[in-house]
N, C-alpha and C. Protein backbone atom coordinates (compact mmCIF):
# COMPACT_ATOMS: atom_id res chain seq x y z
N MET A 1 8.47 -9.48 -13.30
CA MET A 1 7.30 -8.68 -13.42
C MET A 1 7.89 -7.15 -13.29
N ALA A 2 7.00 -6.06 -13.46
CA ALA A 2 7.31 -4.74 -13.54
C ALA A 2 7.44 -4.28 -11.99
N HIS A 3 7.93 -3.42 -11.62
CA HIS A 3 7.71 -2.85 -10.31
C HIS A 3 8.16 -1.09 -10.52
N VAL A 4 7.80 -0.44 -9.62
CA VAL A 4 8.00 0.80 -8.96
C VAL A 4 8.21 0.80 -7.54
N ILE A 5 9.06 1.89 -7.31
CA ILE A 5 9.51 2.03 -5.83
C ILE A 5 9.40 3.46 -5.50
N VAL A 6 8.81 3.80 -4.50
CA VAL A 6 8.73 5.30 -3.80
C VAL A 6 8.99 5.04 -2.47
N GLU A 7 9.52 6.38 -2.02
CA GLU A 7 10.06 6.45 -0.47
C GLU A 7 9.83 7.68 0.03
N LYS A 8 9.70 7.75 1.27
CA LYS A 8 9.25 9.02 2.16
C LYS A 8 9.84 8.88 3.64
N VAL A 9 10.45 10.16 4.06
CA VAL A 9 10.71 10.18 5.41
C VAL A 9 9.66 10.58 6.11
N VAL A 10 9.16 10.08 7.38
CA VAL A 10 8.13 10.61 8.12
C VAL A 10 8.65 11.16 9.46
N SER A 11 8.21 12.28 9.84
CA SER A 11 8.73 12.64 11.13
C SER A 11 7.95 12.19 12.28
N ALA A 12 8.22 10.85 12.60
CA ALA A 12 7.61 9.86 13.51
C ALA A 12 8.61 8.76 13.76
N THR A 13 8.30 8.10 14.75
CA THR A 13 9.17 6.85 14.97
C THR A 13 8.63 5.53 14.25
N PRO A 14 9.20 4.54 14.30
CA PRO A 14 8.76 3.43 13.45
C PRO A 14 7.56 2.89 14.28
N ALA A 15 7.47 2.76 15.47
CA ALA A 15 6.34 2.14 16.04
C ALA A 15 5.20 3.11 15.80
N ASP A 16 5.05 4.38 15.64
CA ASP A 16 3.97 5.31 15.47
C ASP A 16 3.82 5.07 13.87
N VAL A 17 4.53 5.12 13.03
CA VAL A 17 4.24 4.83 11.56
C VAL A 17 3.70 3.42 11.43
N TRP A 18 4.27 2.22 11.81
CA TRP A 18 3.65 0.95 12.06
C TRP A 18 2.46 0.82 12.31
N ALA A 19 1.91 1.58 13.28
CA ALA A 19 0.64 1.47 13.88
C ALA A 19 -0.33 1.92 12.79
N SER A 20 0.04 2.86 11.86
CA SER A 20 -1.04 3.31 10.82
C SER A 20 -1.19 2.02 9.86
N TRP A 21 0.03 1.45 9.52
CA TRP A 21 -0.05 0.33 8.48
C TRP A 21 -0.84 -0.74 9.08
N ASP A 22 -0.50 -1.20 10.34
CA ASP A 22 -1.41 -2.27 10.95
C ASP A 22 -2.40 -2.12 11.31
N ASP A 23 -3.11 -0.88 11.12
CA ASP A 23 -4.52 -0.78 11.03
C ASP A 23 -5.15 -1.24 9.93
N PHE A 24 -4.85 -2.62 9.28
CA PHE A 24 -4.83 -2.77 8.04
C PHE A 24 -6.32 -2.44 7.51
N GLY A 25 -7.52 -2.73 8.21
CA GLY A 25 -8.79 -2.53 7.32
C GLY A 25 -8.82 -1.07 7.14
N ASN A 26 -8.37 0.01 7.67
CA ASN A 26 -8.48 1.10 7.92
C ASN A 26 -7.60 2.19 6.90
N ILE A 27 -6.97 1.58 5.92
CA ILE A 27 -6.18 2.24 5.03
C ILE A 27 -6.65 3.52 4.41
N ALA A 28 -7.96 3.55 4.06
CA ALA A 28 -8.62 4.89 3.62
C ALA A 28 -8.63 5.95 4.53
N LYS A 29 -8.06 5.78 5.65
CA LYS A 29 -7.86 6.94 6.69
C LYS A 29 -6.73 7.71 6.23
N PHE A 30 -5.85 7.42 5.65
CA PHE A 30 -4.66 8.11 4.80
C PHE A 30 -4.56 7.76 3.37
N ASN A 31 -5.06 6.99 2.63
CA ASN A 31 -4.83 6.85 1.48
C ASN A 31 -5.80 7.50 0.64
N PRO A 32 -5.42 8.82 -0.16
CA PRO A 32 -6.14 9.76 -0.97
C PRO A 32 -6.66 9.06 -2.21
N ASN A 33 -6.37 7.77 -2.50
CA ASN A 33 -6.72 7.21 -3.91
C ASN A 33 -7.96 6.38 -3.59
N LEU A 34 -8.32 6.36 -2.29
CA LEU A 34 -9.66 5.34 -1.76
C LEU A 34 -10.73 6.26 -1.51
N ALA A 35 -12.07 5.67 -1.63
CA ALA A 35 -13.22 6.21 -1.21
C ALA A 35 -13.47 5.53 0.29
N GLY A 36 -12.95 4.16 0.48
CA GLY A 36 -13.27 3.29 1.98
C GLY A 36 -12.41 2.20 1.63
N SER A 37 -12.24 1.62 2.88
CA SER A 37 -11.76 0.31 2.81
C SER A 37 -12.24 -0.44 4.33
N HIS A 38 -12.17 -1.75 3.97
CA HIS A 38 -12.70 -2.60 5.38
C HIS A 38 -12.12 -3.95 5.42
N LEU A 39 -12.12 -4.63 6.37
CA LEU A 39 -11.61 -5.85 6.57
C LEU A 39 -12.66 -6.89 6.05
N LEU A 40 -12.27 -8.09 5.57
CA LEU A 40 -13.07 -9.09 4.61
C LEU A 40 -13.40 -10.44 5.91
N ALA A 41 -12.58 -10.21 7.12
CA ALA A 41 -12.83 -11.21 7.95
C ALA A 41 -12.44 -10.71 9.30
N ASP A 42 -12.56 -11.47 10.24
CA ASP A 42 -12.39 -11.16 11.73
C ASP A 42 -10.64 -10.79 11.73
N GLN A 43 -10.03 -11.47 11.05
CA GLN A 43 -8.60 -11.25 11.39
C GLN A 43 -8.25 -9.81 11.16
N ALA A 44 -7.52 -8.91 12.12
CA ALA A 44 -7.39 -7.52 11.85
C ALA A 44 -6.33 -6.96 11.18
N THR A 45 -5.12 -8.29 11.41
CA THR A 45 -3.66 -7.87 11.12
C THR A 45 -2.91 -9.24 11.06
N GLY A 46 -1.69 -9.18 10.40
CA GLY A 46 -0.85 -10.37 10.59
C GLY A 46 -1.06 -11.22 9.27
N VAL A 47 -0.17 -12.35 9.13
CA VAL A 47 -0.47 -12.98 7.69
C VAL A 47 -2.07 -13.45 7.82
N GLY A 48 -2.36 -13.29 6.69
CA GLY A 48 -3.89 -13.90 6.38
C GLY A 48 -4.87 -13.05 6.65
N ALA A 49 -4.66 -11.71 7.10
CA ALA A 49 -5.72 -10.67 7.17
C ALA A 49 -5.97 -10.28 5.59
N THR A 50 -7.28 -9.92 5.47
CA THR A 50 -7.63 -9.55 4.07
C THR A 50 -8.45 -7.95 4.45
N ARG A 51 -8.64 -7.31 3.21
CA ARG A 51 -9.30 -6.25 3.18
C ARG A 51 -9.81 -5.98 1.70
N GLN A 52 -10.93 -5.12 1.51
CA GLN A 52 -11.22 -4.52 0.45
C GLN A 52 -10.76 -2.98 0.26
N CYS A 53 -10.45 -2.65 -0.76
CA CYS A 53 -9.94 -1.09 -1.00
C CYS A 53 -10.98 -0.65 -2.10
N ASP A 54 -11.99 0.24 -1.64
CA ASP A 54 -12.73 0.76 -2.83
C ASP A 54 -12.07 2.03 -3.29
N MET A 55 -11.79 1.92 -4.67
CA MET A 55 -11.25 3.19 -5.27
C MET A 55 -11.97 4.42 -5.43
N LYS A 56 -11.31 5.63 -5.54
CA LYS A 56 -12.08 6.75 -5.38
C LYS A 56 -12.94 7.06 -6.59
N ASP A 57 -12.55 6.37 -7.70
CA ASP A 57 -13.45 6.64 -9.09
C ASP A 57 -14.76 6.10 -8.74
N GLY A 58 -15.35 5.18 -7.79
CA GLY A 58 -16.51 4.53 -7.44
C GLY A 58 -16.91 3.41 -8.25
N LYS A 59 -15.91 2.93 -9.16
CA LYS A 59 -16.19 1.92 -9.99
C LYS A 59 -15.18 0.48 -9.74
N ASN A 60 -14.23 1.10 -9.24
CA ASN A 60 -12.99 -0.18 -8.98
C ASN A 60 -12.81 -0.51 -7.64
N HIS A 61 -12.20 -1.76 -7.35
CA HIS A 61 -12.05 -2.14 -6.02
C HIS A 61 -10.72 -3.26 -6.18
N ILE A 62 -10.32 -3.50 -5.15
CA ILE A 62 -9.04 -4.57 -5.00
C ILE A 62 -9.16 -5.03 -3.71
N ARG A 63 -9.06 -6.37 -3.48
CA ARG A 63 -8.80 -7.21 -2.55
C ARG A 63 -7.36 -7.56 -2.24
N GLU A 64 -7.01 -7.49 -0.90
CA GLU A 64 -5.64 -7.48 -0.40
C GLU A 64 -5.44 -8.35 0.64
N ARG A 65 -4.39 -9.33 0.69
CA ARG A 65 -4.01 -9.93 2.01
C ARG A 65 -2.65 -9.86 2.42
N ILE A 66 -2.46 -9.93 3.70
CA ILE A 66 -1.16 -9.92 4.13
C ILE A 66 -0.62 -11.19 3.99
N VAL A 67 0.92 -11.44 3.27
CA VAL A 67 1.25 -12.67 3.09
C VAL A 67 2.73 -12.74 3.67
N GLU A 68 3.19 -11.60 4.41
CA GLU A 68 4.42 -11.64 5.04
C GLU A 68 4.29 -10.55 6.10
N TYR A 69 4.77 -10.82 7.30
CA TYR A 69 4.47 -9.78 8.29
C TYR A 69 5.60 -9.70 9.29
N ALA A 70 6.50 -8.69 9.39
CA ALA A 70 7.53 -8.62 10.45
C ALA A 70 7.27 -7.41 11.17
N PRO A 71 6.50 -7.18 12.44
CA PRO A 71 5.94 -6.05 13.05
C PRO A 71 7.19 -5.02 13.17
N LYS A 72 6.69 -3.70 12.80
CA LYS A 72 7.55 -2.59 12.98
C LYS A 72 8.58 -2.49 12.08
N GLN A 73 8.63 -3.68 10.84
CA GLN A 73 9.69 -3.75 9.78
C GLN A 73 9.29 -3.66 8.42
N ARG A 74 8.18 -4.89 8.14
CA ARG A 74 8.00 -4.97 6.97
C ARG A 74 6.69 -5.87 6.87
N MET A 75 6.07 -5.42 5.79
CA MET A 75 4.75 -6.19 5.36
C MET A 75 4.63 -6.30 4.07
N VAL A 76 4.22 -7.56 3.47
CA VAL A 76 3.92 -7.63 1.98
C VAL A 76 2.47 -8.21 1.87
N VAL A 77 2.01 -7.42 1.10
CA VAL A 77 0.59 -7.51 0.64
C VAL A 77 0.38 -7.84 -0.89
N ASP A 78 -0.26 -9.04 -0.92
CA ASP A 78 -0.90 -9.55 -2.05
C ASP A 78 -2.12 -8.91 -2.50
N ILE A 79 -2.41 -8.47 -3.69
CA ILE A 79 -3.30 -7.82 -4.42
C ILE A 79 -4.07 -8.86 -5.24
N TYR A 80 -5.02 -9.69 -4.67
CA TYR A 80 -5.49 -10.97 -5.17
C TYR A 80 -6.78 -11.21 -5.80
N GLU A 81 -7.17 -10.05 -5.94
CA GLU A 81 -8.61 -9.99 -6.85
C GLU A 81 -9.18 -8.41 -6.97
N GLY A 82 -9.74 -8.23 -7.86
CA GLY A 82 -10.19 -6.98 -8.12
C GLY A 82 -10.85 -6.56 -9.63
N THR A 83 -11.12 -5.43 -9.72
CA THR A 83 -11.32 -4.91 -10.94
C THR A 83 -10.41 -4.10 -11.74
N MET A 84 -9.17 -3.90 -11.25
CA MET A 84 -8.08 -3.47 -11.88
C MET A 84 -7.49 -4.19 -13.01
N PRO A 85 -6.90 -3.71 -14.03
CA PRO A 85 -6.47 -4.64 -15.00
C PRO A 85 -5.18 -5.41 -14.60
N LEU A 86 -4.99 -6.11 -13.59
CA LEU A 86 -3.96 -6.77 -12.94
C LEU A 86 -4.09 -8.18 -12.83
N LYS A 87 -3.00 -8.64 -13.44
CA LYS A 87 -3.07 -9.99 -13.38
C LYS A 87 -2.53 -10.90 -11.96
N LYS A 88 -1.40 -9.93 -11.56
CA LYS A 88 -0.81 -10.27 -10.27
C LYS A 88 -0.26 -8.94 -9.94
N ALA A 89 -0.16 -8.51 -8.54
CA ALA A 89 0.34 -7.56 -7.88
C ALA A 89 0.76 -7.81 -6.53
N VAL A 90 1.84 -7.26 -6.04
CA VAL A 90 2.34 -7.43 -4.75
C VAL A 90 2.97 -6.07 -4.30
N ALA A 91 2.65 -5.61 -3.12
CA ALA A 91 3.28 -4.48 -2.56
C ALA A 91 3.97 -4.64 -1.33
N THR A 92 5.09 -4.41 -1.17
CA THR A 92 6.06 -4.54 -0.12
C THR A 92 6.33 -3.34 0.63
N ILE A 93 5.82 -2.94 2.19
CA ILE A 93 6.20 -1.78 2.71
C ILE A 93 7.36 -2.10 3.78
N VAL A 94 8.52 -1.36 3.67
CA VAL A 94 9.64 -1.62 4.67
C VAL A 94 9.78 -0.09 5.22
N LEU A 95 9.73 -0.48 6.79
CA LEU A 95 10.35 0.72 7.62
C LEU A 95 11.52 0.54 8.11
N SER A 96 12.25 1.77 8.01
CA SER A 96 13.59 1.70 8.86
C SER A 96 13.86 3.26 9.47
N PRO A 97 14.58 2.90 10.51
CA PRO A 97 14.89 4.15 11.40
C PRO A 97 15.73 5.11 10.46
N ALA A 98 15.33 6.53 10.45
CA ALA A 98 15.94 7.57 9.68
C ALA A 98 16.52 8.72 10.57
N GLY A 99 16.76 8.21 11.95
CA GLY A 99 17.40 9.21 12.88
C GLY A 99 16.40 10.05 13.74
N SER A 100 16.69 10.50 14.68
CA SER A 100 16.10 11.37 15.66
C SER A 100 14.26 11.26 15.23
N GLY A 101 14.00 9.89 15.54
CA GLY A 101 12.54 10.09 15.66
C GLY A 101 11.86 10.01 14.38
N ARG A 102 12.55 9.62 13.45
CA ARG A 102 12.03 9.88 12.02
C ARG A 102 12.22 8.36 11.17
N THR A 103 11.24 8.04 10.30
CA THR A 103 11.29 6.91 9.65
C THR A 103 11.18 7.00 8.28
N ARG A 104 12.17 5.88 7.66
CA ARG A 104 11.86 6.12 6.01
C ARG A 104 11.07 4.92 5.94
N VAL A 105 10.04 4.97 5.03
CA VAL A 105 8.96 4.40 4.43
C VAL A 105 9.41 3.88 2.98
N GLN A 106 9.47 2.84 2.58
CA GLN A 106 9.78 2.32 1.14
C GLN A 106 8.57 1.51 0.95
N MET A 107 8.21 1.68 -0.18
CA MET A 107 7.18 0.83 -1.07
C MET A 107 7.46 0.34 -2.34
N LYS A 108 7.50 -0.82 -2.56
CA LYS A 108 7.83 -1.51 -3.89
C LYS A 108 6.35 -2.35 -4.30
N MET A 109 6.01 -1.91 -5.49
CA MET A 109 5.10 -2.62 -6.00
C MET A 109 5.28 -3.22 -7.32
N GLU A 110 5.18 -4.59 -7.03
CA GLU A 110 5.33 -5.63 -8.43
C GLU A 110 4.12 -5.87 -9.14
N PHE A 111 4.00 -5.65 -10.33
CA PHE A 111 2.90 -5.92 -10.89
C PHE A 111 2.85 -6.58 -12.45
N GLN A 112 1.91 -7.48 -12.52
CA GLN A 112 1.81 -8.00 -13.98
C GLN A 112 0.44 -7.91 -14.58
N PRO A 113 0.20 -6.92 -15.54
CA PRO A 113 -0.95 -6.54 -16.17
C PRO A 113 -1.60 -7.92 -16.82
N LYS A 114 -2.96 -7.74 -16.88
CA LYS A 114 -3.46 -8.47 -17.57
C LYS A 114 -3.52 -8.37 -18.97
N PHE A 115 -4.28 -9.03 -19.81
CA PHE A 115 -4.28 -9.14 -21.26
C PHE A 115 -3.06 -9.42 -22.33
N GLY A 116 -2.12 -10.37 -21.52
CA GLY A 116 -0.87 -10.77 -22.37
C GLY A 116 -0.19 -9.76 -22.66
N LEU A 117 0.23 -9.92 -24.11
CA LEU A 117 1.08 -8.93 -24.68
C LEU A 117 0.75 -7.62 -24.57
N LEU A 118 -0.63 -7.23 -25.15
CA LEU A 118 -1.23 -6.03 -25.07
C LEU A 118 -0.80 -5.48 -23.61
N GLY A 119 -1.13 -6.04 -22.49
CA GLY A 119 -0.83 -5.69 -21.07
C GLY A 119 0.49 -5.29 -20.95
N ALA A 120 1.61 -6.32 -21.72
CA ALA A 120 2.93 -6.17 -21.47
C ALA A 120 3.36 -4.56 -22.01
N LEU A 121 2.62 -4.30 -23.38
CA LEU A 121 2.87 -3.34 -23.91
C LEU A 121 2.23 -1.75 -23.17
N MET A 122 1.39 -2.32 -22.25
CA MET A 122 0.95 -0.89 -21.51
C MET A 122 1.70 -0.65 -20.15
N VAL A 123 2.79 -1.50 -19.97
CA VAL A 123 3.57 -1.23 -18.72
C VAL A 123 4.22 0.05 -18.80
N PRO A 124 4.74 0.61 -19.60
CA PRO A 124 5.26 1.99 -19.63
C PRO A 124 4.38 2.94 -19.29
N MET A 125 3.03 2.88 -19.54
CA MET A 125 2.40 3.87 -19.21
C MET A 125 1.79 3.50 -17.85
N MET A 126 1.54 2.41 -17.47
CA MET A 126 1.32 1.95 -16.06
C MET A 126 2.03 2.57 -14.94
N LYS A 127 3.44 2.48 -15.21
CA LYS A 127 4.62 2.70 -14.14
C LYS A 127 4.24 4.05 -13.66
N PRO A 128 4.11 5.10 -14.36
CA PRO A 128 4.12 6.65 -13.84
C PRO A 128 2.83 6.70 -13.27
N GLN A 129 2.02 6.07 -13.60
CA GLN A 129 0.33 6.05 -12.68
C GLN A 129 0.69 5.66 -11.35
N PHE A 130 1.24 4.25 -11.30
CA PHE A 130 1.28 3.59 -10.20
C PHE A 130 2.29 4.25 -9.23
N ARG A 131 3.48 4.97 -9.98
CA ARG A 131 4.29 5.79 -9.07
C ARG A 131 3.39 6.83 -8.34
N LYS A 132 2.72 7.51 -9.19
CA LYS A 132 1.91 8.79 -8.66
C LYS A 132 1.03 8.20 -7.27
N MET A 133 0.24 7.18 -7.85
CA MET A 133 -0.66 6.63 -6.62
C MET A 133 -0.02 6.35 -5.51
N LEU A 134 1.24 5.36 -5.66
CA LEU A 134 1.94 5.17 -4.29
C LEU A 134 2.79 6.11 -3.86
N GLN A 135 3.12 7.35 -4.45
CA GLN A 135 3.67 8.50 -3.84
C GLN A 135 2.63 9.19 -3.09
N ALA A 136 1.55 9.30 -3.58
CA ALA A 136 0.21 10.01 -2.75
C ALA A 136 -0.08 9.14 -1.52
N LEU A 137 0.17 7.73 -1.87
CA LEU A 137 -0.27 7.07 -0.52
C LEU A 137 0.57 7.28 0.48
N LEU A 138 1.78 7.56 0.32
CA LEU A 138 2.95 7.67 1.30
C LEU A 138 2.72 9.26 1.82
N ASP A 139 2.89 10.05 1.10
CA ASP A 139 2.53 11.51 1.60
C ASP A 139 1.23 11.39 2.39
N GLY A 140 0.15 10.74 2.05
CA GLY A 140 -1.04 10.89 2.90
C GLY A 140 -0.84 10.09 4.22
N ASN A 141 0.08 9.03 4.19
CA ASN A 141 0.40 8.29 5.26
C ASN A 141 1.18 9.22 6.38
N ALA A 142 2.30 9.92 5.58
CA ALA A 142 3.04 10.71 6.47
C ALA A 142 2.23 11.99 7.19
N THR A 143 1.25 12.52 6.42
CA THR A 143 0.62 13.40 7.08
C THR A 143 -0.51 13.20 8.30
N TYR A 144 -1.04 11.99 8.06
CA TYR A 144 -1.86 11.43 8.92
C TYR A 144 -1.05 10.72 10.38
N VAL A 145 0.00 10.13 10.08
CA VAL A 145 0.81 9.63 11.13
C VAL A 145 1.38 11.30 11.87
N GLN A 146 1.92 12.07 11.21
CA GLN A 146 2.35 13.26 11.74
C GLN A 146 1.34 14.03 12.77
N SER A 147 0.29 13.94 12.22
CA SER A 147 -1.07 14.66 12.97
C SER A 147 -1.36 13.85 14.28
N GLN A 148 -1.19 12.72 14.03
CA GLN A 148 -1.37 11.79 15.22
C GLN A 148 -0.60 11.85 16.46
N VAL A 149 0.81 12.10 16.22
CA VAL A 149 1.66 12.26 17.16
C VAL A 149 2.16 13.89 17.62
N ALA A 150 1.40 14.59 16.91
CA ALA A 150 1.55 15.90 17.28
C ALA A 150 1.15 16.34 18.45
């Protein structure tokens, strides 16, 4: 699968940063790519929690579920359904201390587009778009978390 990786250092503790990611149904609070988000079942977090993210374009959405969960360290989210041209996509969020009350957030997205060979040919165009969207997500998360702990 193709992949992109982005990173951001946040001026907040890993516990504070984790709290924002762990509020699984409310990622739209800090993700500028989304118009809204909500849980799809009663489970709010942990392996098996599901959510829907409605894109800002008003036309597209994705459904995601947590498939790996190590509190305050790592979360793996499977994008299992949606209107985006993705056959498969998995996002991994890893938090690590960056010294003096700071946290390094790394996000890796692995993806396989729909449409077979045509989709494979689209990967070089998709990677910069995904990188830009994910960096905006990490920037939004940093701004949100830092405003919460200030």
